[in-house]
Amino acid sequence: MSEQQNNITVVDENGNEQLCEILHTFDSEEFGKSYVLYSLVGAEEDEDGAVEIFASAFVPAENGEDGELTPIETEAEWDLIEEVLNQIEDELGEEE
């Protein structure tokens, strides 16, 4: 039975494990990092029908095991993530 790799477990600041769904991953040559955009599985939509999206840098493990999520540290990285999110929203809007 093959398990799809679209869920990750994230440990929040209180040490609680949260099951999250991976929405999108991408690499940045500019920063030399990979990024993952994700939301909590079962997250409630707000009044606009939106779910909170989280972003982290992703460092793959050498042995192919689970990698490590690290915080986004610079304003330039946040700008890049915002740009990617806008592109995804534009593409989704065109599909409807």
N, C-alpha and C. Protein backbone atom coordinates (compact mmCIF):
# COMPACT_ATOMS: atom_id res chain seq x y z
N MET A 1 0.85 -1.18 0.00
CA MET A 1 0.00 0.00 0.00
C MET A 1 0.89 1.24 0.00
N SER A 2 0.71 2.10 -0.98
CA SER A 2 1.57 3.28 -1.05
C SER A 2 0.92 4.46 -0.33
N GLU A 3 1.72 5.13 0.44
CA GLU A 3 1.23 6.28 1.18
C GLU A 3 1.65 7.55 0.45
N GLN A 4 0.69 8.40 0.18
CA GLN A 4 1.02 9.65 -0.51
C GLN A 4 1.75 10.57 0.46
N GLN A 5 2.76 11.25 -0.08
CA GLN A 5 3.56 12.14 0.76
C GLN A 5 2.99 13.56 0.73
N ASN A 6 1.72 13.71 1.08
CA ASN A 6 1.19 15.06 1.10
C ASN A 6 0.74 15.48 2.50
N ASN A 7 1.15 14.71 3.50
CA ASN A 7 0.92 15.10 4.89
C ASN A 7 2.25 15.13 5.63
N ILE A 8 2.38 16.09 6.52
CA ILE A 8 3.55 16.16 7.38
C ILE A 8 3.08 16.38 8.81
N THR A 9 3.91 16.02 9.75
CA THR A 9 3.62 16.30 11.14
C THR A 9 4.53 17.44 11.58
N VAL A 10 3.90 18.48 12.11
CA VAL A 10 4.63 19.66 12.56
C VAL A 10 4.45 19.76 14.07
N VAL A 11 5.54 20.04 14.77
CA VAL A 11 5.47 20.23 16.21
C VAL A 11 5.38 21.73 16.47
N ASP A 12 4.29 22.15 17.13
CA ASP A 12 4.11 23.58 17.39
C ASP A 12 4.97 24.04 18.56
N GLU A 13 4.87 25.34 18.86
CA GLU A 13 5.74 25.91 19.92
C GLU A 13 5.45 25.32 21.29
N ASN A 14 4.29 24.66 21.47
CA ASN A 14 3.95 24.04 22.75
C ASN A 14 4.35 22.57 22.80
N GLY A 15 4.99 22.08 21.71
CA GLY A 15 5.41 20.69 21.68
C GLY A 15 4.33 19.73 21.23
N ASN A 16 3.18 20.27 20.77
CA ASN A 16 2.09 19.43 20.29
C ASN A 16 2.30 19.09 18.82
N GLU A 17 2.05 17.83 18.47
CA GLU A 17 2.16 17.43 17.07
C GLU A 17 0.88 17.79 16.34
N GLN A 18 1.03 18.40 15.18
CA GLN A 18 -0.12 18.78 14.35
C GLN A 18 0.04 18.10 13.00
N LEU A 19 -1.01 17.42 12.54
CA LEU A 19 -0.98 16.82 11.21
C LEU A 19 -1.33 17.91 10.21
N CYS A 20 -0.46 18.11 9.22
CA CYS A 20 -0.65 19.17 8.25
C CYS A 20 -0.65 18.60 6.84
N GLU A 21 -1.37 19.27 5.98
CA GLU A 21 -1.43 18.89 4.57
C GLU A 21 -0.50 19.80 3.78
N ILE A 22 0.37 19.20 2.99
CA ILE A 22 1.28 19.98 2.15
C ILE A 22 0.48 20.51 0.97
N LEU A 23 0.51 21.83 0.80
CA LEU A 23 -0.22 22.46 -0.30
C LEU A 23 0.67 22.66 -1.52
N HIS A 24 1.94 22.98 -1.26
CA HIS A 24 2.85 23.28 -2.38
C HIS A 24 4.28 23.26 -1.86
N THR A 25 5.20 22.79 -2.68
CA THR A 25 6.62 22.87 -2.36
C THR A 25 7.34 23.49 -3.54
N PHE A 26 8.39 24.21 -3.26
CA PHE A 26 9.18 24.80 -4.35
C PHE A 26 10.60 25.07 -3.85
N ASP A 27 11.51 25.18 -4.81
CA ASP A 27 12.92 25.46 -4.51
C ASP A 27 13.25 26.88 -4.92
N SER A 28 14.19 27.48 -4.22
CA SER A 28 14.67 28.80 -4.58
C SER A 28 16.18 28.75 -4.77
N GLU A 29 16.62 28.98 -6.00
CA GLU A 29 18.06 29.04 -6.25
C GLU A 29 18.65 30.27 -5.55
N GLU A 30 17.87 31.34 -5.53
CA GLU A 30 18.33 32.60 -4.92
C GLU A 30 18.76 32.39 -3.47
N PHE A 31 17.96 31.63 -2.71
CA PHE A 31 18.26 31.41 -1.29
C PHE A 31 18.90 30.05 -1.04
N GLY A 32 18.93 29.19 -2.06
CA GLY A 32 19.52 27.86 -1.90
C GLY A 32 18.75 26.99 -0.93
N LYS A 33 17.42 27.17 -0.91
CA LYS A 33 16.58 26.41 0.03
C LYS A 33 15.36 25.88 -0.70
N SER A 34 14.72 24.91 -0.06
CA SER A 34 13.40 24.44 -0.49
C SER A 34 12.39 24.98 0.51
N TYR A 35 11.17 25.19 0.03
CA TYR A 35 10.12 25.72 0.90
C TYR A 35 8.88 24.84 0.80
N VAL A 36 8.12 24.80 1.87
CA VAL A 36 6.87 24.04 1.89
C VAL A 36 5.77 24.96 2.42
N LEU A 37 4.63 24.95 1.73
CA LEU A 37 3.45 25.68 2.18
C LEU A 37 2.45 24.62 2.66
N TYR A 38 1.86 24.82 3.83
CA TYR A 38 0.99 23.79 4.40
C TYR A 38 -0.10 24.41 5.25
N SER A 39 -1.14 23.62 5.48
CA SER A 39 -2.22 24.03 6.38
C SER A 39 -2.53 22.86 7.30
N LEU A 40 -3.18 23.16 8.43
CA LEU A 40 -3.55 22.11 9.37
C LEU A 40 -4.64 21.24 8.76
N VAL A 41 -4.52 19.92 8.90
CA VAL A 41 -5.57 19.02 8.44
C VAL A 41 -6.80 19.27 9.31
N GLY A 42 -7.94 19.47 8.66
CA GLY A 42 -9.18 19.72 9.40
C GLY A 42 -9.32 21.14 9.90
N ALA A 43 -8.47 22.04 9.39
CA ALA A 43 -8.55 23.43 9.83
C ALA A 43 -9.89 24.04 9.42
N GLU A 44 -10.42 24.87 10.27
CA GLU A 44 -11.69 25.54 9.98
C GLU A 44 -11.46 26.69 9.01
N GLU A 45 -12.36 26.83 8.05
CA GLU A 45 -12.28 27.98 7.15
C GLU A 45 -12.80 29.21 7.88
N ASP A 46 -12.23 30.37 7.55
CA ASP A 46 -12.75 31.61 8.13
C ASP A 46 -13.98 32.06 7.33
N GLU A 47 -14.51 33.23 7.66
CA GLU A 47 -15.75 33.68 7.01
C GLU A 47 -15.57 33.91 5.50
N ASP A 48 -14.34 34.04 5.04
CA ASP A 48 -14.08 34.21 3.61
C ASP A 48 -13.82 32.88 2.91
N GLY A 49 -13.93 31.78 3.64
CA GLY A 49 -13.69 30.47 3.05
C GLY A 49 -12.21 30.15 2.91
N ALA A 50 -11.37 30.89 3.63
CA ALA A 50 -9.93 30.68 3.54
C ALA A 50 -9.43 29.91 4.76
N VAL A 51 -8.36 29.15 4.54
CA VAL A 51 -7.71 28.41 5.62
C VAL A 51 -6.33 29.03 5.82
N GLU A 52 -5.90 29.13 7.07
CA GLU A 52 -4.58 29.71 7.34
C GLU A 52 -3.50 28.84 6.72
N ILE A 53 -2.59 29.48 5.99
CA ILE A 53 -1.49 28.77 5.34
C ILE A 53 -0.19 29.12 6.05
N PHE A 54 0.60 28.10 6.32
CA PHE A 54 1.89 28.27 6.97
C PHE A 54 2.99 28.00 5.96
N ALA A 55 4.16 28.58 6.22
CA ALA A 55 5.30 28.36 5.33
C ALA A 55 6.54 28.12 6.18
N SER A 56 7.39 27.22 5.69
CA SER A 56 8.66 26.94 6.34
C SER A 56 9.70 26.64 5.28
N ALA A 57 10.94 26.90 5.64
CA ALA A 57 12.03 26.40 4.80
C ALA A 57 12.14 24.91 5.12
N PHE A 58 12.64 24.14 4.17
CA PHE A 58 12.70 22.70 4.33
C PHE A 58 14.10 22.22 3.99
N VAL A 59 14.70 21.51 4.91
CA VAL A 59 16.03 20.96 4.68
C VAL A 59 15.90 19.45 4.61
N PRO A 60 16.03 18.86 3.40
CA PRO A 60 15.90 17.41 3.29
C PRO A 60 17.02 16.71 4.06
N ALA A 61 16.69 15.56 4.61
CA ALA A 61 17.71 14.78 5.32
C ALA A 61 18.59 14.06 4.31
N GLU A 62 19.83 13.87 4.67
CA GLU A 62 20.80 13.22 3.78
C GLU A 62 20.37 11.81 3.38
N ASN A 63 19.77 11.08 4.32
CA ASN A 63 19.47 9.67 4.10
C ASN A 63 18.10 9.43 3.46
N GLY A 64 17.43 10.51 3.03
CA GLY A 64 16.12 10.34 2.39
C GLY A 64 14.98 10.23 3.39
N GLU A 65 15.31 10.26 4.68
CA GLU A 65 14.26 10.25 5.70
C GLU A 65 13.61 11.63 5.74
N ASP A 66 12.70 11.81 6.68
CA ASP A 66 12.05 13.11 6.81
C ASP A 66 13.09 14.19 7.03
N GLY A 67 12.85 15.33 6.43
CA GLY A 67 13.76 16.45 6.60
C GLY A 67 13.35 17.30 7.79
N GLU A 68 13.93 18.47 7.85
CA GLU A 68 13.68 19.36 8.98
C GLU A 68 13.08 20.67 8.48
N LEU A 69 12.01 21.11 9.13
CA LEU A 69 11.41 22.41 8.81
C LEU A 69 12.10 23.48 9.64
N THR A 70 12.43 24.59 9.00
CA THR A 70 13.06 25.69 9.72
C THR A 70 12.28 26.97 9.44
N PRO A 71 12.32 27.91 10.36
CA PRO A 71 11.55 29.15 10.18
C PRO A 71 12.08 29.98 9.01
N ILE A 72 11.17 30.77 8.43
CA ILE A 72 11.56 31.73 7.40
C ILE A 72 12.20 32.90 8.15
N GLU A 73 13.41 33.30 7.72
CA GLU A 73 14.17 34.24 8.54
C GLU A 73 14.26 35.65 7.97
N THR A 74 14.06 35.82 6.67
CA THR A 74 14.28 37.15 6.12
C THR A 74 13.04 37.68 5.40
N GLU A 75 12.97 39.00 5.33
CA GLU A 75 11.88 39.66 4.63
C GLU A 75 11.87 39.27 3.15
N ALA A 76 13.06 39.11 2.58
CA ALA A 76 13.18 38.74 1.16
C ALA A 76 12.57 37.36 0.91
N GLU A 77 12.76 36.43 1.86
CA GLU A 77 12.17 35.10 1.71
C GLU A 77 10.65 35.18 1.80
N TRP A 78 10.14 35.99 2.73
CA TRP A 78 8.68 36.16 2.85
C TRP A 78 8.11 36.75 1.56
N ASP A 79 8.84 37.70 0.95
CA ASP A 79 8.39 38.29 -0.31
C ASP A 79 8.29 37.21 -1.39
N LEU A 80 9.29 36.33 -1.45
CA LEU A 80 9.29 35.24 -2.43
C LEU A 80 8.08 34.33 -2.20
N ILE A 81 7.82 33.97 -0.95
CA ILE A 81 6.70 33.08 -0.62
C ILE A 81 5.38 33.72 -1.01
N GLU A 82 5.25 35.02 -0.73
CA GLU A 82 4.03 35.74 -1.08
C GLU A 82 3.82 35.73 -2.60
N GLU A 83 4.92 35.90 -3.34
CA GLU A 83 4.87 35.88 -4.80
C GLU A 83 4.38 34.52 -5.30
N VAL A 84 4.93 33.44 -4.73
CA VAL A 84 4.54 32.09 -5.12
C VAL A 84 3.06 31.85 -4.78
N LEU A 85 2.63 32.28 -3.60
CA LEU A 85 1.22 32.12 -3.21
C LEU A 85 0.30 32.84 -4.18
N ASN A 86 0.69 34.05 -4.58
CA ASN A 86 -0.12 34.81 -5.54
C ASN A 86 -0.21 34.09 -6.88
N GLN A 87 0.90 33.49 -7.33
CA GLN A 87 0.90 32.73 -8.58
C GLN A 87 -0.05 31.54 -8.49
N ILE A 88 -0.01 30.84 -7.35
CA ILE A 88 -0.87 29.67 -7.16
C ILE A 88 -2.34 30.10 -7.18
N GLU A 89 -2.66 31.20 -6.48
CA GLU A 89 -4.03 31.69 -6.45
C GLU A 89 -4.50 32.09 -7.85
N ASP A 90 -3.61 32.71 -8.62
CA ASP A 90 -3.96 33.09 -10.00
C ASP A 90 -4.27 31.85 -10.83
N GLU A 91 -3.44 30.82 -10.69
CA GLU A 91 -3.65 29.58 -11.45
C GLU A 91 -4.97 28.91 -11.04
N LEU A 92 -5.26 28.90 -9.75
CA LEU A 92 -6.51 28.30 -9.27
C LEU A 92 -7.71 29.09 -9.79
N GLY A 93 -7.58 30.40 -9.81
CA GLY A 93 -8.66 31.25 -10.29
C GLY A 93 -8.96 31.00 -11.76
N GLU A 94 -7.93 30.70 -12.54
CA GLU A 94 -8.11 30.45 -13.97
C GLU A 94 -8.81 29.12 -14.23
N GLU A 95 -8.66 28.16 -13.29
CA GLU A 95 -9.25 26.83 -13.48
C GLU A 95 -10.75 26.84 -13.28
N GLU A 96 -11.25 27.77 -12.49
CA GLU A 96 -12.69 27.78 -12.16
C GLU A 96 -13.54 28.22 -13.34
